[in-house]
Amino acid sequence: MPRIRPNFMDSPYFIDEPGNWHLVSGAPEEVQEEFEAYVRSMMIVDEPGTINGIHIQYP
């Protein structure tokens, strides 16, 4: 299932360098919060036997 593109990616404060995503200084608080939440969500490691946190039956 495709993920929805976050709004911060369309912000002029967002810098999309390969391997170095960041926000320029002075970014609005709401953009900073959305960016930080997105980065934290990418760090979640699923348990073995799950896809996006959903348990998959296997032998």
N, C-alpha and C. Protein backbone atom coordinates (compact mmCIF):
# COMPACT_ATOMS: atom_id res chain seq x y z
N MET A 1 0.84 -1.17 0.00
CA MET A 1 0.00 0.00 0.00
C MET A 1 0.90 1.24 0.00
N PRO A 2 0.68 2.15 -0.92
CA PRO A 2 1.53 3.34 -0.99
C PRO A 2 1.30 4.28 0.19
N ARG A 3 2.36 4.93 0.62
CA ARG A 3 2.25 5.90 1.70
C ARG A 3 1.91 7.26 1.11
N ILE A 4 1.19 8.05 1.89
CA ILE A 4 0.82 9.40 1.45
C ILE A 4 2.03 10.32 1.59
N ARG A 5 2.26 11.13 0.60
CA ARG A 5 3.39 12.08 0.64
C ARG A 5 3.10 13.15 1.69
N PRO A 6 3.99 13.29 2.68
CA PRO A 6 3.77 14.29 3.73
C PRO A 6 3.79 15.72 3.18
N ASN A 7 3.04 16.59 3.81
CA ASN A 7 2.95 17.99 3.38
C ASN A 7 4.28 18.73 3.48
N PHE A 8 5.14 18.35 4.45
CA PHE A 8 6.40 19.09 4.62
C PHE A 8 7.29 18.99 3.39
N MET A 9 7.08 17.95 2.56
CA MET A 9 7.92 17.78 1.37
C MET A 9 7.68 18.86 0.33
N ASP A 10 6.53 19.52 0.39
CA ASP A 10 6.22 20.61 -0.54
C ASP A 10 6.60 21.98 0.02
N SER A 11 7.13 22.00 1.24
CA SER A 11 7.49 23.25 1.89
C SER A 11 8.81 23.80 1.34
N PRO A 12 8.93 25.10 1.20
CA PRO A 12 10.21 25.67 0.76
C PRO A 12 11.31 25.53 1.82
N TYR A 13 10.94 25.13 3.03
CA TYR A 13 11.92 24.94 4.11
C TYR A 13 12.55 23.55 4.07
N PHE A 14 12.00 22.65 3.27
CA PHE A 14 12.48 21.27 3.21
C PHE A 14 13.57 21.14 2.15
N ILE A 15 14.70 20.55 2.53
CA ILE A 15 15.82 20.31 1.62
C ILE A 15 15.91 18.80 1.41
N ASP A 16 15.74 18.37 0.16
CA ASP A 16 15.71 16.95 -0.19
C ASP A 16 17.03 16.54 -0.83
N GLU A 17 18.09 16.52 -0.03
CA GLU A 17 19.37 16.05 -0.53
C GLU A 17 19.43 14.54 -0.29
N PRO A 18 19.92 13.76 -1.25
CA PRO A 18 20.00 12.31 -1.04
C PRO A 18 20.79 11.98 0.22
N GLY A 19 20.14 11.26 1.13
CA GLY A 19 20.79 10.86 2.37
C GLY A 19 20.94 11.97 3.39
N ASN A 20 20.39 13.15 3.13
CA ASN A 20 20.57 14.28 4.05
C ASN A 20 19.32 15.17 4.06
N TRP A 21 18.17 14.58 4.32
CA TRP A 21 16.96 15.38 4.41
C TRP A 21 17.04 16.27 5.64
N HIS A 22 16.67 17.53 5.48
CA HIS A 22 16.65 18.44 6.62
C HIS A 22 15.79 19.66 6.30
N LEU A 23 15.54 20.44 7.34
CA LEU A 23 14.80 21.69 7.20
C LEU A 23 15.77 22.84 7.41
N VAL A 24 15.57 23.91 6.66
CA VAL A 24 16.40 25.09 6.87
C VAL A 24 15.94 25.78 8.15
N SER A 25 16.80 26.58 8.73
CA SER A 25 16.43 27.29 9.96
C SER A 25 15.30 28.27 9.65
N GLY A 26 14.44 28.45 10.63
CA GLY A 26 13.31 29.35 10.46
C GLY A 26 12.05 28.66 9.96
N ALA A 27 12.09 27.33 9.86
CA ALA A 27 10.89 26.60 9.41
C ALA A 27 9.80 26.73 10.46
N PRO A 28 8.55 26.87 10.04
CA PRO A 28 7.44 26.98 11.00
C PRO A 28 7.35 25.75 11.89
N GLU A 29 6.83 25.94 13.09
CA GLU A 29 6.73 24.87 14.09
C GLU A 29 5.96 23.67 13.54
N GLU A 30 4.86 23.91 12.82
CA GLU A 30 4.05 22.79 12.32
C GLU A 30 4.82 21.96 11.29
N VAL A 31 5.66 22.60 10.48
CA VAL A 31 6.48 21.87 9.51
C VAL A 31 7.54 21.06 10.25
N GLN A 32 8.15 21.65 11.28
CA GLN A 32 9.15 20.94 12.07
C GLN A 32 8.56 19.71 12.74
N GLU A 33 7.36 19.86 13.33
CA GLU A 33 6.71 18.74 14.02
C GLU A 33 6.38 17.61 13.04
N GLU A 34 5.84 17.96 11.87
CA GLU A 34 5.50 16.93 10.89
C GLU A 34 6.76 16.22 10.40
N PHE A 35 7.83 16.97 10.14
CA PHE A 35 9.08 16.38 9.68
C PHE A 35 9.65 15.43 10.74
N GLU A 36 9.70 15.87 11.99
CA GLU A 36 10.24 15.04 13.06
C GLU A 36 9.41 13.78 13.27
N ALA A 37 8.08 13.89 13.19
CA ALA A 37 7.21 12.72 13.33
C ALA A 37 7.46 11.73 12.19
N TYR A 38 7.66 12.24 10.99
CA TYR A 38 7.92 11.37 9.84
C TYR A 38 9.26 10.64 10.01
N VAL A 39 10.28 11.36 10.43
CA VAL A 39 11.60 10.74 10.63
C VAL A 39 11.52 9.67 11.72
N ARG A 40 10.82 9.97 12.82
CA ARG A 40 10.66 8.97 13.89
C ARG A 40 9.92 7.74 13.39
N SER A 41 8.90 7.92 12.55
CA SER A 41 8.13 6.78 12.05
C SER A 41 8.97 5.89 11.14
N MET A 42 9.97 6.45 10.48
CA MET A 42 10.83 5.65 9.61
C MET A 42 11.83 4.82 10.40
N MET A 43 12.03 5.14 11.69
CA MET A 43 12.98 4.42 12.52
C MET A 43 12.36 3.21 13.21
N ILE A 44 11.04 3.04 13.11
CA ILE A 44 10.37 1.92 13.76
C ILE A 44 10.73 0.64 13.01
N VAL A 45 11.26 -0.33 13.73
CA VAL A 45 11.65 -1.61 13.13
C VAL A 45 10.56 -2.62 13.45
N ASP A 46 10.01 -3.24 12.41
CA ASP A 46 8.98 -4.24 12.61
C ASP A 46 9.56 -5.52 13.20
N GLU A 47 8.74 -6.24 13.96
CA GLU A 47 9.15 -7.52 14.50
C GLU A 47 9.19 -8.54 13.37
N PRO A 48 9.98 -9.61 13.52
CA PRO A 48 9.97 -10.66 12.50
C PRO A 48 8.56 -11.22 12.33
N GLY A 49 8.16 -11.48 11.11
CA GLY A 49 6.83 -12.02 10.83
C GLY A 49 5.76 -10.96 10.71
N THR A 50 6.16 -9.68 10.60
CA THR A 50 5.18 -8.61 10.45
C THR A 50 5.54 -7.73 9.26
N ILE A 51 4.52 -7.12 8.70
CA ILE A 51 4.71 -6.12 7.65
C ILE A 51 3.93 -4.90 8.10
N ASN A 52 4.62 -3.79 8.32
CA ASN A 52 4.00 -2.57 8.84
C ASN A 52 3.23 -2.84 10.12
N GLY A 53 3.77 -3.72 10.96
CA GLY A 53 3.16 -4.01 12.26
C GLY A 53 2.04 -5.03 12.22
N ILE A 54 1.70 -5.55 11.05
CA ILE A 54 0.63 -6.54 10.93
C ILE A 54 1.25 -7.93 10.90
N HIS A 55 0.79 -8.81 11.81
CA HIS A 55 1.35 -10.16 11.88
C HIS A 55 0.95 -10.96 10.66
N ILE A 56 1.92 -11.60 10.02
CA ILE A 56 1.70 -12.42 8.83
C ILE A 56 1.90 -13.88 9.23
N GLN A 57 0.90 -14.70 8.97
CA GLN A 57 1.01 -16.13 9.27
C GLN A 57 1.97 -16.79 8.29
N TYR A 58 2.85 -17.60 8.82
CA TYR A 58 3.76 -18.36 7.98
C TYR A 58 4.11 -19.63 8.74
N PRO A 59 4.50 -20.67 8.01
CA PRO A 59 4.75 -21.96 8.69
C PRO A 59 5.87 -21.92 9.69
